[in-house]
Amino acid sequence: WYAAGFSDDLILLLIRHIHATIPG
């Protein structure tokens, strides 16, 4: 969903980094 709305890779990288703190 975020990738469909944002194209800035640094924003997407930060969001994915925060999500990845929860494994699984």
PDB file of all heavy atoms in Angstrom:
ATOM      1  N   TRP A   1       0.838  -1.205   0.000  1.00  0.00           N
ATOM      2  CA  TRP A   1       0.000   0.000   0.000  1.00  0.00           C
ATOM      3  C   TRP A   1       0.871   1.252   0.000  1.00  0.00           C
ATOM      4  O   TRP A   1       0.630   2.187  -0.750  1.00  0.00           O
ATOM      5  CB  TRP A   1      -0.913  -0.004   1.217  1.00  0.00           C
ATOM      6  CG  TRP A   1      -1.966   1.059   1.155  1.00  0.00           C
ATOM      7  CD1 TRP A   1      -3.224   0.935   0.685  1.00  0.00           C
ATOM      8  CD2 TRP A   1      -1.821   2.431   1.566  1.00  0.00           C
ATOM      9  NE1 TRP A   1      -3.888   2.135   0.768  1.00  0.00           N
ATOM     10  CE2 TRP A   1      -3.052   3.064   1.308  1.00  0.00           C
ATOM     11  CE3 TRP A   1      -0.786   3.174   2.115  1.00  0.00           C
ATOM     12  CZ2 TRP A   1      -3.279   4.407   1.586  1.00  0.00           C
ATOM     13  CZ3 TRP A   1      -0.993   4.525   2.384  1.00  0.00           C
ATOM     14  CH2 TRP A   1      -2.231   5.120   2.126  1.00  0.00           C
ATOM     15  N   TYR A   2       1.881   1.290   0.880  1.00  0.00           N
ATOM     16  CA  TYR A   2       2.768   2.452   0.935  1.00  0.00           C
ATOM     17  C   TYR A   2       3.539   2.611  -0.379  1.00  0.00           C
ATOM     18  O   TYR A   2       3.750   3.740  -0.849  1.00  0.00           O
ATOM     19  CB  TYR A   2       3.749   2.320   2.099  1.00  0.00           C
ATOM     20  CG  TYR A   2       3.140   2.600   3.455  1.00  0.00           C
ATOM     21  CD1 TYR A   2       3.029   1.594   4.410  1.00  0.00           C
ATOM     22  CD2 TYR A   2       2.679   3.871   3.784  1.00  0.00           C
ATOM     23  CE1 TYR A   2       2.477   1.848   5.666  1.00  0.00           C
ATOM     24  CE2 TYR A   2       2.118   4.134   5.029  1.00  0.00           C
ATOM     25  CZ  TYR A   2       2.021   3.117   5.963  1.00  0.00           C
ATOM     26  OH  TYR A   2       1.463   3.367   7.206  1.00  0.00           O
ATOM     27  N   ALA A   3       3.958   1.514  -0.983  1.00  0.00           N
ATOM     28  CA  ALA A   3       4.701   1.572  -2.239  1.00  0.00           C
ATOM     29  C   ALA A   3       3.843   2.112  -3.375  1.00  0.00           C
ATOM     30  O   ALA A   3       4.363   2.707  -4.329  1.00  0.00           O
ATOM     31  CB  ALA A   3       5.240   0.191  -2.602  1.00  0.00           C
ATOM     32  N   ALA A   4       2.531   1.915  -3.294  1.00  0.00           N
ATOM     33  CA  ALA A   4       1.629   2.435  -4.318  1.00  0.00           C
ATOM     34  C   ALA A   4       1.436   3.934  -4.203  1.00  0.00           C
ATOM     35  O   ALA A   4       1.098   4.606  -5.177  1.00  0.00           O
ATOM     36  CB  ALA A   4       0.274   1.736  -4.229  1.00  0.00           C
ATOM     37  N   GLY A   5       1.653   4.486  -3.022  1.00  0.00           N
ATOM     38  CA  GLY A   5       1.441   5.910  -2.801  1.00  0.00           C
ATOM     39  C   GLY A   5       2.694   6.746  -2.734  1.00  0.00           C
ATOM     40  O   GLY A   5       2.644   7.964  -2.933  1.00  0.00           O
ATOM     41  N   PHE A   6       3.837   6.111  -2.423  1.00  0.00           N
ATOM     42  CA  PHE A   6       5.093   6.842  -2.280  1.00  0.00           C
ATOM     43  C   PHE A   6       6.136   6.262  -3.224  1.00  0.00           C
ATOM     44  O   PHE A   6       6.227   5.033  -3.392  1.00  0.00           O
ATOM     45  CB  PHE A   6       5.607   6.781  -0.841  1.00  0.00           C
ATOM     46  CG  PHE A   6       4.737   7.486   0.157  1.00  0.00           C
ATOM     47  CD1 PHE A   6       3.758   6.789   0.855  1.00  0.00           C
ATOM     48  CD2 PHE A   6       4.876   8.842   0.391  1.00  0.00           C
ATOM     49  CE1 PHE A   6       2.941   7.434   1.778  1.00  0.00           C
ATOM     50  CE2 PHE A   6       4.076   9.499   1.308  1.00  0.00           C
ATOM     51  CZ  PHE A   6       3.095   8.788   2.002  1.00  0.00           C
ATOM     52  N   SER A   7       6.935   7.137  -3.811  1.00  0.00           N
ATOM     53  CA  SER A   7       8.007   6.709  -4.706  1.00  0.00           C
ATOM     54  C   SER A   7       9.382   6.957  -4.116  1.00  0.00           C
ATOM     55  O   SER A   7      10.380   6.450  -4.648  1.00  0.00           O
ATOM     56  CB  SER A   7       7.886   7.414  -6.060  1.00  0.00           C
ATOM     57  OG  SER A   7       7.966   8.817  -5.899  1.00  0.00           O
ATOM     58  N   ASP A   8       9.483   7.744  -3.042  1.00  0.00           N
ATOM     59  CA  ASP A   8      10.760   8.033  -2.405  1.00  0.00           C
ATOM     60  C   ASP A   8      11.255   6.773  -1.691  1.00  0.00           C
ATOM     61  O   ASP A   8      10.648   6.307  -0.732  1.00  0.00           O
ATOM     62  CB  ASP A   8      10.620   9.189  -1.411  1.00  0.00           C
ATOM     63  CG  ASP A   8      11.975   9.735  -0.961  1.00  0.00           C
ATOM     64  OD1 ASP A   8      12.856   8.937  -0.586  1.00  0.00           O
ATOM     65  OD2 ASP A   8      12.153  10.972  -0.973  1.00  0.00           O
ATOM     66  N   ASP A   9      12.371   6.251  -2.148  1.00  0.00           N
ATOM     67  CA  ASP A   9      12.897   5.001  -1.610  1.00  0.00           C
ATOM     68  C   ASP A   9      13.290   5.115  -0.137  1.00  0.00           C
ATOM     69  O   ASP A   9      13.193   4.134   0.609  1.00  0.00           O
ATOM     70  CB  ASP A   9      14.111   4.539  -2.422  1.00  0.00           C
ATOM     71  CG  ASP A   9      13.722   4.110  -3.828  1.00  0.00           C
ATOM     72  OD1 ASP A   9      12.567   3.668  -4.023  1.00  0.00           O
ATOM     73  OD2 ASP A   9      14.569   4.221  -4.741  1.00  0.00           O
ATOM     74  N   LEU A  10      13.735   6.300   0.287  1.00  0.00           N
ATOM     75  CA  LEU A  10      14.144   6.463   1.674  1.00  0.00           C
ATOM     76  C   LEU A  10      12.941   6.391   2.622  1.00  0.00           C
ATOM     77  O   LEU A  10      13.044   5.842   3.720  1.00  0.00           O
ATOM     78  CB  LEU A  10      14.888   7.793   1.852  1.00  0.00           C
ATOM     79  CG  LEU A  10      16.244   7.895   1.150  1.00  0.00           C
ATOM     80  CD1 LEU A  10      16.857   9.282   1.348  1.00  0.00           C
ATOM     81  CD2 LEU A  10      17.209   6.822   1.690  1.00  0.00           C
ATOM     82  N   ILE A  11      11.807   6.939   2.201  1.00  0.00           N
ATOM     83  CA  ILE A  11      10.585   6.833   2.997  1.00  0.00           C
ATOM     84  C   ILE A  11      10.151   5.374   3.103  1.00  0.00           C
ATOM     85  O   ILE A  11       9.851   4.875   4.192  1.00  0.00           O
ATOM     86  CB  ILE A  11       9.451   7.687   2.384  1.00  0.00           C
ATOM     87  CG1 ILE A  11       9.782   9.169   2.500  1.00  0.00           C
ATOM     88  CG2 ILE A  11       8.119   7.396   3.079  1.00  0.00           C
ATOM     89  CD1 ILE A  11       8.750  10.077   1.832  1.00  0.00           C
ATOM     90  N   LEU A  12      10.133   4.677   1.961  1.00  0.00           N
ATOM     91  CA  LEU A  12       9.718   3.278   1.951  1.00  0.00           C
ATOM     92  C   LEU A  12      10.677   2.406   2.753  1.00  0.00           C
ATOM     93  O   LEU A  12      10.253   1.485   3.449  1.00  0.00           O
ATOM     94  CB  LEU A  12       9.633   2.777   0.503  1.00  0.00           C
ATOM     95  CG  LEU A  12       8.586   3.477  -0.388  1.00  0.00           C
ATOM     96  CD1 LEU A  12       8.697   2.967  -1.816  1.00  0.00           C
ATOM     97  CD2 LEU A  12       7.182   3.238   0.153  1.00  0.00           C
ATOM     98  N   LEU A  13      11.969   2.712   2.670  1.00  0.00           N
ATOM     99  CA  LEU A  13      12.970   1.946   3.416  1.00  0.00           C
ATOM    100  C   LEU A  13      12.773   2.112   4.920  1.00  0.00           C
ATOM    101  O   LEU A  13      12.874   1.144   5.678  1.00  0.00           O
ATOM    102  CB  LEU A  13      14.370   2.390   3.006  1.00  0.00           C
ATOM    103  CG  LEU A  13      15.548   1.596   3.603  1.00  0.00           C
ATOM    104  CD1 LEU A  13      15.509   0.144   3.105  1.00  0.00           C
ATOM    105  CD2 LEU A  13      16.885   2.249   3.224  1.00  0.00           C
ATOM    106  N   LEU A  14      12.483   3.334   5.367  1.00  0.00           N
ATOM    107  CA  LEU A  14      12.256   3.594   6.786  1.00  0.00           C
ATOM    108  C   LEU A  14      11.011   2.857   7.285  1.00  0.00           C
ATOM    109  O   LEU A  14      11.036   2.241   8.357  1.00  0.00           O
ATOM    110  CB  LEU A  14      12.114   5.096   7.025  1.00  0.00           C
ATOM    111  CG  LEU A  14      11.797   5.527   8.467  1.00  0.00           C
ATOM    112  CD1 LEU A  14      12.912   5.104   9.408  1.00  0.00           C
ATOM    113  CD2 LEU A  14      11.577   7.038   8.545  1.00  0.00           C
ATOM    114  N   ILE A  15       9.930   2.898   6.515  1.00  0.00           N
ATOM    115  CA  ILE A  15       8.691   2.216   6.906  1.00  0.00           C
ATOM    116  C   ILE A  15       8.911   0.713   7.007  1.00  0.00           C
ATOM    117  O   ILE A  15       8.483   0.063   7.966  1.00  0.00           O
ATOM    118  CB  ILE A  15       7.562   2.550   5.912  1.00  0.00           C
ATOM    119  CG1 ILE A  15       7.176   4.023   6.032  1.00  0.00           C
ATOM    120  CG2 ILE A  15       6.344   1.664   6.152  1.00  0.00           C
ATOM    121  CD1 ILE A  15       6.209   4.504   4.967  1.00  0.00           C
ATOM    122  N   ARG A  16       9.605   0.147   6.023  1.00  0.00           N
ATOM    123  CA  ARG A  16       9.876  -1.290   6.046  1.00  0.00           C
ATOM    124  C   ARG A  16      10.802  -1.672   7.195  1.00  0.00           C
ATOM    125  O   ARG A  16      10.657  -2.754   7.780  1.00  0.00           O
ATOM    126  CB  ARG A  16      10.491  -1.718   4.704  1.00  0.00           C
ATOM    127  CG  ARG A  16       9.492  -1.698   3.547  1.00  0.00           C
ATOM    128  CD  ARG A  16      10.181  -1.834   2.211  1.00  0.00           C
ATOM    129  NE  ARG A  16       9.235  -1.740   1.105  1.00  0.00           N
ATOM    130  CZ  ARG A  16       9.571  -1.547  -0.157  1.00  0.00           C
ATOM    131  NH1 ARG A  16      10.862  -1.423  -0.483  1.00  0.00           N
ATOM    132  NH2 ARG A  16       8.646  -1.478  -1.105  1.00  0.00           N
ATOM    133  N   HIS A  17      11.750  -0.799   7.502  1.00  0.00           N
ATOM    134  CA  HIS A  17      12.650  -1.045   8.636  1.00  0.00           C
ATOM    135  C   HIS A  17      11.878  -1.114   9.947  1.00  0.00           C
ATOM    136  O   HIS A  17      12.128  -1.991  10.778  1.00  0.00           O
ATOM    137  CB  HIS A  17      13.714   0.041   8.698  1.00  0.00           C
ATOM    138  CG  HIS A  17      14.535   0.016   9.953  1.00  0.00           C
ATOM    139  ND1 HIS A  17      15.360  -1.045  10.294  1.00  0.00           N
ATOM    140  CD2 HIS A  17      14.635   0.921  10.978  1.00  0.00           C
ATOM    141  CE1 HIS A  17      15.936  -0.799  11.461  1.00  0.00           C
ATOM    142  NE2 HIS A  17      15.516   0.399  11.893  1.00  0.00           N
ATOM    143  N   ILE A  18      10.914  -0.209  10.134  1.00  0.00           N
ATOM    144  CA  ILE A  18      10.106  -0.204  11.354  1.00  0.00           C
ATOM    145  C   ILE A  18       9.229  -1.453  11.421  1.00  0.00           C
ATOM    146  O   ILE A  18       9.098  -2.087  12.469  1.00  0.00           O
ATOM    147  CB  ILE A  18       9.247   1.078  11.432  1.00  0.00           C
ATOM    148  CG1 ILE A  18      10.153   2.319  11.502  1.00  0.00           C
ATOM    149  CG2 ILE A  18       8.324   1.031  12.642  1.00  0.00           C
ATOM    150  CD1 ILE A  18       9.406   3.637  11.389  1.00  0.00           C
ATOM    151  N   HIS A  19       8.635  -1.836  10.285  1.00  0.00           N
ATOM    152  CA  HIS A  19       7.817  -3.048  10.248  1.00  0.00           C
ATOM    153  C   HIS A  19       8.645  -4.297  10.549  1.00  0.00           C
ATOM    154  O   HIS A  19       8.179  -5.230  11.219  1.00  0.00           O
ATOM    155  CB  HIS A  19       7.154  -3.202   8.879  1.00  0.00           C
ATOM    156  CG  HIS A  19       6.028  -2.234   8.650  1.00  0.00           C
ATOM    157  ND1 HIS A  19       5.594  -1.883   7.387  1.00  0.00           N
ATOM    158  CD2 HIS A  19       5.235  -1.548   9.522  1.00  0.00           C
ATOM    159  CE1 HIS A  19       4.600  -1.024   7.485  1.00  0.00           C
ATOM    160  NE2 HIS A  19       4.364  -0.789   8.772  1.00  0.00           N
ATOM    161  N   ALA A  20       9.884  -4.314  10.067  1.00  0.00           N
ATOM    162  CA  ALA A  20      10.741  -5.494  10.224  1.00  0.00           C
ATOM    163  C   ALA A  20      11.190  -5.726  11.660  1.00  0.00           C
ATOM    164  O   ALA A  20      11.730  -6.800  11.970  1.00  0.00           O
ATOM    165  CB  ALA A  20      11.966  -5.373   9.315  1.00  0.00           C
ATOM    166  N   THR A  21      10.990  -4.759  12.550  1.00  0.00           N
ATOM    167  CA  THR A  21      11.348  -4.960  13.956  1.00  0.00           C
ATOM    168  C   THR A  21      10.463  -6.007  14.625  1.00  0.00           C
ATOM    169  O   THR A  21      10.791  -6.497  15.696  1.00  0.00           O
ATOM    170  CB  THR A  21      11.247  -3.636  14.735  1.00  0.00           C
ATOM    171  OG1 THR A  21       9.922  -3.098  14.609  1.00  0.00           O
ATOM    172  CG2 THR A  21      12.269  -2.629  14.216  1.00  0.00           C
ATOM    173  N   ILE A  22       9.329  -6.322  13.997  1.00  0.00           N
ATOM    174  CA  ILE A  22       8.460  -7.417  14.450  1.00  0.00           C
ATOM    175  C   ILE A  22       8.651  -8.582  13.494  1.00  0.00           C
ATOM    176  O   ILE A  22       8.256  -8.510  12.322  1.00  0.00           O
ATOM    177  CB  ILE A  22       6.976  -6.988  14.496  1.00  0.00           C
ATOM    178  CG1 ILE A  22       6.791  -5.782  15.414  1.00  0.00           C
ATOM    179  CG2 ILE A  22       6.089  -8.140  14.942  1.00  0.00           C
ATOM    180  CD1 ILE A  22       7.156  -6.030  16.850  1.00  0.00           C
ATOM    181  N   PRO A  23       9.259  -9.680  13.916  1.00  0.00           N
ATOM    182  CA  PRO A  23       9.542 -10.796  13.014  1.00  0.00           C
ATOM    183  C   PRO A  23       8.273 -11.544  12.608  1.00  0.00           C
ATOM    184  O   PRO A  23       7.244 -11.462  13.270  1.00  0.00           O
ATOM    185  CB  PRO A  23      10.468 -11.689  13.851  1.00  0.00           C
ATOM    186  CG  PRO A  23      10.116 -11.381  15.277  1.00  0.00           C
ATOM    187  CD  PRO A  23       9.728  -9.931  15.297  1.00  0.00           C
ATOM    188  N   GLY A  24       8.364 -12.263  11.501  1.00  0.00           N
ATOM    189  CA  GLY A  24       7.249 -13.099  11.061  1.00  0.00           C
ATOM    190  C   GLY A  24       6.407 -12.494   9.957  1.00  0.00           C
ATOM    191  O   GLY A  24       5.574 -13.180   9.362  1.00  0.00           O
TER     192      GLY A  24
END
